[in-house]
N, C-alpha and C. Protein backbone atom coordinates (compact mmCIF):
# COMPACT_ATOMS: atom_id res chain seq x y z
N MET A 1 -10.85 -9.26 14.01
CA MET A 1 -11.08 -8.90 12.86
C MET A 1 -10.74 -7.58 11.96
N ARG A 2 -10.13 -8.27 10.88
CA ARG A 2 -9.40 -6.77 9.28
C ARG A 2 -10.56 -6.14 9.48
N LEU A 3 -10.24 -5.01 9.72
CA LEU A 3 -10.98 -3.54 9.18
C LEU A 3 -11.45 -3.86 7.32
N LYS A 4 -12.21 -3.86 6.69
CA LYS A 4 -12.38 -3.11 5.33
C LYS A 4 -11.24 -2.84 4.64
N SER A 5 -10.81 -3.13 3.49
CA SER A 5 -10.32 -2.94 2.76
C SER A 5 -10.52 -1.33 2.22
N GLU A 6 -11.42 -0.92 2.04
CA GLU A 6 -11.67 0.90 1.78
C GLU A 6 -11.63 1.52 2.72
N LEU A 7 -12.24 1.14 4.41
CA LEU A 7 -11.59 2.01 5.43
C LEU A 7 -10.23 1.50 5.58
N TRP A 8 -9.59 1.30 5.83
CA TRP A 8 -8.07 1.35 5.57
C TRP A 8 -7.01 2.25 4.81
N VAL A 9 -8.05 2.51 3.42
CA VAL A 9 -7.74 2.88 2.45
C VAL A 9 -7.92 4.33 3.15
N GLN A 10 -9.10 4.63 3.08
CA GLN A 10 -9.72 6.08 3.59
C GLN A 10 -8.68 6.86 5.18
N ALA A 11 -8.61 5.91 5.84
CA ALA A 11 -8.36 6.61 6.92
C ALA A 11 -6.74 6.92 6.44
N TYR A 12 -5.93 5.28 5.96
CA TYR A 12 -4.64 6.17 5.01
C TYR A 12 -4.04 6.49 4.69
N LEU A 13 -5.64 7.37 3.34
CA LEU A 13 -5.61 8.50 3.12
C LEU A 13 -5.07 9.53 3.49
N GLN A 14 -6.24 10.10 4.95
CA GLN A 14 -6.60 10.93 5.61
C GLN A 14 -5.47 11.60 6.57
N LYS A 15 -4.83 10.21 6.75
CA LYS A 15 -3.52 10.45 7.69
C LYS A 15 -2.55 10.75 6.85
N LEU A 16 -2.02 10.30 4.64
CA LEU A 16 -0.63 11.29 4.87
C LEU A 16 -1.49 12.87 4.26
N SER A 17 -2.29 12.86 3.93
CA SER A 17 -3.47 14.29 3.17
C SER A 17 -3.23 15.20 4.57
N ALA A 18 -3.20 14.78 6.13
CA ALA A 18 -2.85 15.60 6.47
C ALA A 18 -1.89 15.66 7.38
N ALA A 19 -0.90 15.38 6.38
CA ALA A 19 0.67 15.55 6.78
C ALA A 19 1.79 16.30 5.54
N MET A 20 -0.15 16.66 5.12
CA MET A 20 0.86 17.00 3.76
C MET A 20 1.26 16.55 2.54
N ILE A 21 1.21 15.17 1.94
CA ILE A 21 1.91 13.95 1.87
C ILE A 21 0.87 13.52 0.75
N PRO A 22 1.63 14.21 -1.13
CA PRO A 22 0.87 13.42 -1.46
C PRO A 22 0.36 12.26 -2.03
N VAL A 23 -1.17 11.92 -1.81
CA VAL A 23 -1.31 10.35 -2.11
C VAL A 23 -2.26 10.24 -2.57
N PHE A 24 -2.54 9.09 -4.05
CA PHE A 24 -3.61 9.19 -4.49
C PHE A 24 -4.19 7.63 -4.50
N VAL A 25 -5.22 7.26 -5.05
CA VAL A 25 -6.38 6.21 -5.49
C VAL A 25 -6.04 5.99 -6.58
N ILE A 26 -4.96 5.32 -7.55
CA ILE A 26 -4.74 5.01 -8.46
C ILE A 26 -5.59 3.71 -9.29
N ARG A 27 -6.07 2.82 -8.61
CA ARG A 27 -6.71 1.65 -8.99
C ARG A 27 -8.01 1.21 -7.68
N ARG A 28 -9.15 1.28 -8.22
CA ARG A 28 -10.01 1.11 -6.80
C ARG A 28 -10.19 -0.01 -6.74
N GLY A 29 -10.52 -0.90 -5.94
CA GLY A 29 -10.51 -2.45 -5.14
C GLY A 29 -11.59 -2.76 -4.98
N HIS A 30 -11.87 -3.86 -4.17
CA HIS A 30 -12.89 -4.50 -3.94
C HIS A 30 -12.89 -4.03 -2.49
N GLU A 31 -14.76 -3.76 -2.51
CA GLU A 31 -14.14 -2.97 -0.58
C GLU A 31 -14.58 -3.18 0.28
N SER A 32 -14.28 -4.50 0.91
CA SER A 32 -14.32 -5.22 1.83
C SER A 32 -13.22 -6.53 1.35
N ALA A 33 -12.67 -6.69 0.19
CA ALA A 33 -11.60 -7.81 0.78
C ALA A 33 -10.10 -7.91 -0.26
N GLY A 34 -9.65 -6.31 -1.17
CA GLY A 34 -9.40 -6.17 -1.81
C GLY A 34 -8.19 -5.92 -1.40
N ALA A 35 -6.86 -6.52 -2.00
CA ALA A 35 -5.46 -6.72 -1.36
C ALA A 35 -4.85 -4.74 -1.57
N ILE A 36 -4.39 -4.23 -0.98
CA ILE A 36 -3.28 -3.28 -1.11
C ILE A 36 -2.76 -2.99 -1.11
N PHE A 37 -2.03 -2.39 -2.73
CA PHE A 37 -0.32 -2.62 -3.27
C PHE A 37 -0.65 -0.84 -2.77
N ILE A 38 0.83 -0.17 -2.33
CA ILE A 38 1.64 0.76 -2.05
C ILE A 38 2.55 1.21 -3.13
N LYS A 39 2.69 1.91 -4.25
CA LYS A 39 3.46 2.32 -4.91
C LYS A 39 3.63 3.68 -4.35
N VAL A 40 5.23 4.08 -4.16
CA VAL A 40 6.08 4.83 -3.61
C VAL A 40 6.26 4.93 -4.50
N ASN A 41 5.95 6.47 -5.27
CA ASN A 41 6.56 7.14 -6.78
C ASN A 41 8.33 7.87 -5.95
N GLN A 42 8.99 7.68 -6.11
CA GLN A 42 10.41 9.12 -5.41
C GLN A 42 11.01 9.84 -6.56
N LEU A 43 9.78 10.14 -7.31
CA LEU A 43 9.71 11.41 -8.69
C LEU A 43 11.38 11.75 -9.21
N ASN A 44 11.87 10.58 -9.23
CA ASN A 44 12.75 10.06 -10.16
C ASN A 44 13.01 9.24 -11.03
N GLY A 45 11.77 8.84 -11.74
CA GLY A 45 11.77 7.64 -11.92
C GLY A 45 11.72 6.56 -11.63
N PHE A 46 12.15 6.49 -10.00
CA PHE A 46 12.08 5.01 -9.89
C PHE A 46 11.07 5.06 -8.30
N CYS A 47 10.73 3.83 -8.66
CA CYS A 47 9.38 3.57 -7.32
C CYS A 47 9.07 2.35 -6.49
N LYS A 48 9.29 2.04 -5.11
CA LYS A 48 8.21 1.38 -4.52
C LYS A 48 7.83 0.63 -4.69
N ILE A 49 7.01 -0.60 -4.13
CA ILE A 49 6.02 -1.41 -3.89
C ILE A 49 6.12 -1.62 -3.16
N TYR A 50 5.45 -1.35 -1.87
CA TYR A 50 4.47 -2.20 -0.55
C TYR A 50 3.41 -3.20 -1.19
N SER A 51 3.38 -4.17 -0.18
CA SER A 51 2.94 -5.36 -0.44
C SER A 51 1.93 -5.69 0.45
N PRO A 52 0.74 -6.14 0.81
CA PRO A 52 0.78 -7.56 1.42
C PRO A 52 1.68 -8.78 2.35
N ALA A 53 2.32 -8.46 3.52
CA ALA A 53 2.59 -9.55 3.87
C ALA A 53 2.02 -11.01 3.37
N SER A 54 2.72 -12.22 3.11
CA SER A 54 1.76 -13.36 2.82
C SER A 54 1.07 -13.87 4.27
N ALA A 55 0.06 -14.47 3.34
CA ALA A 55 -0.27 -14.67 5.16
C ALA A 55 0.30 -15.77 6.72
N ALA A 56 1.21 -16.38 6.08
CA ALA A 56 1.72 -16.92 6.73
C ALA A 56 2.06 -16.14 7.34
N PHE A 57 2.36 -15.15 7.65
CA PHE A 57 2.76 -14.27 8.36
C PHE A 57 1.96 -12.51 9.22
N SER A 58 0.54 -12.81 7.96
CA SER A 58 0.20 -11.45 8.96
C SER A 58 -1.20 -12.57 9.83
N GLU A 59 0.01 -13.33 10.52
CA GLU A 59 -1.51 -14.13 11.71
C GLU A 59 -0.93 -13.81 12.84
N THR A 60 -0.76 -12.53 13.66
CA THR A 60 0.19 -12.24 14.68
C THR A 60 -0.68 -11.68 15.46
N PRO A 61 0.04 -11.47 16.57
CA PRO A 61 -0.72 -10.87 17.94
C PRO A 61 -0.63 -9.18 17.18
N ALA A 62 0.25 -9.07 16.11
CA ALA A 62 0.12 -8.12 16.14
C ALA A 62 -1.68 -7.31 14.93
N GLN A 63 -1.82 -8.44 15.31
CA GLN A 63 -3.42 -8.36 13.86
C GLN A 63 -4.17 -7.72 14.96
N ALA A 64 -4.11 -7.73 16.11
CA ALA A 64 -5.19 -6.89 17.28
C ALA A 64 -5.38 -5.84 16.87
N HIS A 65 -5.12 -5.21 16.23
CA HIS A 65 -5.73 -3.56 15.99
C HIS A 65 -5.87 -3.73 14.71
N ASP A 66 -6.12 -4.59 14.21
CA ASP A 66 -5.80 -4.36 12.16
C ASP A 66 -4.17 -3.95 11.48
N ASP A 67 -3.35 -3.31 12.77
CA ASP A 67 -2.10 -3.91 12.02
C ASP A 67 -1.72 -4.40 10.98
N ARG A 68 -1.75 -3.75 10.15
CA ARG A 68 -1.79 -5.02 8.57
C ARG A 68 -0.53 -4.55 8.33
N LEU A 69 0.36 -5.90 7.78
CA LEU A 69 2.02 -5.44 8.24
C LEU A 69 2.09 -5.90 6.11
N TRP A 70 3.16 -5.02 6.30
CA TRP A 70 3.36 -4.73 4.67
C TRP A 70 5.27 -4.89 4.48
N THR A 71 5.36 -5.32 2.95
CA THR A 71 6.59 -5.66 2.88
C THR A 71 6.84 -4.94 1.88
N ASP A 72 8.59 -5.31 1.29
CA ASP A 72 8.92 -4.58 0.28
C ASP A 72 8.89 -5.35 -1.29
N PHE A 73 8.63 -4.88 -1.97
CA PHE A 73 8.22 -6.12 -2.60
C PHE A 73 9.44 -6.07 -3.33
N PHE A 74 10.33 -5.56 -3.51
CA PHE A 74 11.39 -6.04 -4.32
C PHE A 74 12.59 -4.80 -3.57
N PRO A 75 12.47 -5.21 -2.51
CA PRO A 75 14.13 -4.84 -1.70
C PRO A 75 15.48 -4.44 -2.49
N ASP A 76 16.06 -5.46 -2.90
CA ASP A 76 17.05 -5.45 -3.34
C ASP A 76 17.07 -5.17 -4.96
N LYS A 77 15.78 -4.44 -5.42
CA LYS A 77 16.27 -3.17 -6.69
C LYS A 77 15.61 -1.91 -7.09
N GLN A 78 15.61 -1.20 -8.05
CA GLN A 78 15.16 0.20 -7.96
C GLN A 78 14.71 0.04 -9.47
N LEU A 79 13.32 0.32 -9.14
CA LEU A 79 12.41 0.01 -9.96
C LEU A 79 12.03 0.79 -11.08
N GLU A 80 12.26 1.39 -12.28
CA GLU A 80 11.81 2.59 -12.79
C GLU A 80 9.95 2.46 -12.79
N GLU A 81 9.73 3.16 -13.12
CA GLU A 81 8.14 4.11 -12.61
C GLU A 81 7.45 2.61 -13.74
N ARG A 82 8.29 2.63 -14.98
CA ARG A 82 7.60 2.12 -16.36
C ARG A 82 7.01 0.54 -15.89
N GLU A 83 8.49 -0.01 -15.12
CA GLU A 83 8.20 -1.72 -14.61
C GLU A 83 7.22 -2.04 -13.86
N THR A 84 6.90 -0.65 -12.31
CA THR A 84 6.22 -1.01 -11.54
C THR A 84 4.85 -0.48 -11.70
N ASP A 85 4.41 -0.08 -13.09
CA ASP A 85 3.19 -0.44 -13.89
C ASP A 85 2.70 -1.30 -14.34
N GLN A 86 3.76 -1.90 -15.42
CA GLN A 86 3.41 -2.58 -15.70
C GLN A 86 3.35 -4.02 -14.75
N TRP A 87 4.27 -4.65 -13.23
CA TRP A 87 3.88 -5.28 -12.39
C TRP A 87 1.95 -4.84 -11.99
N LEU A 88 2.57 -3.90 -11.70
CA LEU A 88 0.70 -3.58 -11.10
C LEU A 88 -0.37 -4.18 -11.96
N ARG A 89 -0.05 -3.63 -13.28
CA ARG A 89 -1.01 -4.35 -14.19
C ARG A 89 -1.01 -5.25 -14.24
N GLU A 90 0.11 -6.64 -14.17
CA GLU A 90 -0.05 -7.81 -14.79
C GLU A 90 -0.69 -8.25 -12.81
N GLN A 91 -0.89 -7.43 -12.01
CA GLN A 91 -1.36 -7.76 -10.61
C GLN A 91 -2.64 -7.91 -10.72
N ALA A 92 -3.13 -6.91 -11.08
CA ALA A 92 -4.54 -6.58 -11.65
C ALA A 92 -5.17 -7.63 -12.69
N SER A 93 -4.35 -8.07 -13.58
CA SER A 93 -4.42 -8.53 -14.79
C SER A 93 -5.08 -10.15 -13.47
N TYR A 94 -4.11 -10.96 -12.47
CA TYR A 94 -4.86 -12.05 -11.95
C TYR A 94 -5.71 -11.33 -11.38
N ASP A 95 -6.45 -10.56 -10.55
CA ASP A 95 -6.63 -9.77 -9.15
C ASP A 95 -7.45 -8.49 -9.64
N SER A 96 -8.74 -9.28 -10.09
CA SER A 96 -9.49 -7.30 -10.37
C SER A 96 -9.45 -7.14 -8.97
N ASP A 97 -9.59 -7.15 -7.95
CA ASP A 97 -10.18 -6.59 -6.67
C ASP A 97 -9.06 -6.37 -5.97
N ILE A 98 -7.69 -5.90 -6.91
CA ILE A 98 -7.04 -5.58 -6.06
C ILE A 98 -7.51 -3.90 -6.03
N TRP A 99 -6.44 -3.28 -5.11
CA TRP A 99 -6.58 -1.70 -5.01
C TRP A 99 -4.38 -0.79 -5.53
N VAL A 100 -4.80 -0.08 -5.86
CA VAL A 100 -2.98 0.45 -5.68
C VAL A 100 -3.62 2.09 -5.67
N ILE A 101 -2.93 1.80 -4.73
CA ILE A 101 -2.27 3.79 -3.72
C ILE A 101 -0.58 4.31 -4.21
N GLU A 102 -0.36 5.31 -4.74
CA GLU A 102 0.41 5.98 -4.70
C GLU A 102 0.69 7.14 -4.17
N VAL A 103 1.45 7.33 -3.31
CA VAL A 103 2.31 7.89 -2.44
C VAL A 103 3.23 8.84 -3.09
N GLU A 104 3.37 9.87 -2.80
CA GLU A 104 4.57 10.39 -3.56
C GLU A 104 5.98 11.08 -2.08
N ASP A 105 7.12 10.94 -2.69
CA ASP A 105 8.19 10.97 -1.31
C ASP A 105 9.02 10.80 -2.25
N LYS A 106 10.29 11.79 -2.05
CA LYS A 106 11.63 11.17 -2.81
C LYS A 106 12.51 10.64 -2.13
N THR A 107 11.88 9.93 -0.45
CA THR A 107 12.70 8.83 0.66
C THR A 107 12.51 8.00 -0.30
N GLY A 108 11.26 7.96 -1.24
CA GLY A 108 10.86 6.49 -1.12
C GLY A 108 9.83 6.02 0.22
N ASN A 109 9.74 7.07 1.40
CA ASN A 109 9.39 6.76 2.38
C ASN A 109 7.93 6.33 1.91
N SER A 110 6.98 5.24 2.95
CA SER A 110 5.90 4.28 2.55
C SER A 110 5.01 5.36 3.31
N HIS A 111 5.62 5.46 4.84
CA HIS A 111 4.39 6.51 5.79
C HIS A 111 3.30 5.41 6.25
N LEU A 112 4.30 3.70 6.27
CA LEU A 112 2.80 2.63 6.66
C LEU A 112 3.35 2.78 8.04
N GLU A 113 4.49 3.27 8.51
CA GLU A 113 4.52 3.36 10.14
C GLU A 113 3.62 3.87 10.58
N GLN A 114 3.00 4.74 10.25
CA GLN A 114 2.26 5.93 10.64
C GLN A 114 1.48 5.37 10.41
N GLN A 115 0.22 4.18 9.94
CA GLN A 115 -0.56 4.15 9.65
C GLN A 115 -1.24 3.05 10.96
N ASN A 116 -1.27 3.39 12.51
CA ASN A 116 -1.59 2.51 13.06
C ASN A 116 -3.39 2.88 13.76
N LEU A 117 -4.21 2.37 13.19
CA LEU A 117 -5.85 1.46 13.69
C LEU A 117 -6.01 1.96 14.53
N ALA A 118 -4.94 1.06 14.83
CA ALA A 118 -6.11 1.32 16.66
C ALA A 118 -5.91 2.54 17.04
N ASP A 119 -4.99 4.14 16.33
CA ASP A 119 -5.26 5.37 16.82
C ASP A 119 -6.01 6.15 16.37
N LEU A 120 -7.23 6.17 15.48
CA LEU A 120 -7.94 6.82 14.74
C LEU A 120 -9.31 6.76 16.61
């Protein structure tokens, strides 16, 4: 069983905040089932977007502890922040339930590997 989106977001925010990594909720989505997008602001005008892996890849044994699978949505492209924000606005226009979380990290690290909810 997958954790509600709001609980996952709260845990992610707490872990990053405890590590003194700036993290913000930019868009609050549906508390139970809203898709979560992670915007990593590299503080140089460029960003990365991490999104949930497609459902075809997410129903694996790794999901036993609600370890969500993530993918760099644009792995071969540097996105300017305005492009990133526009893309996220478009996603919200298709699905008003999405969450957008912004992480500030000059190296572009999403810190998603630190988000193992089984440790909570």
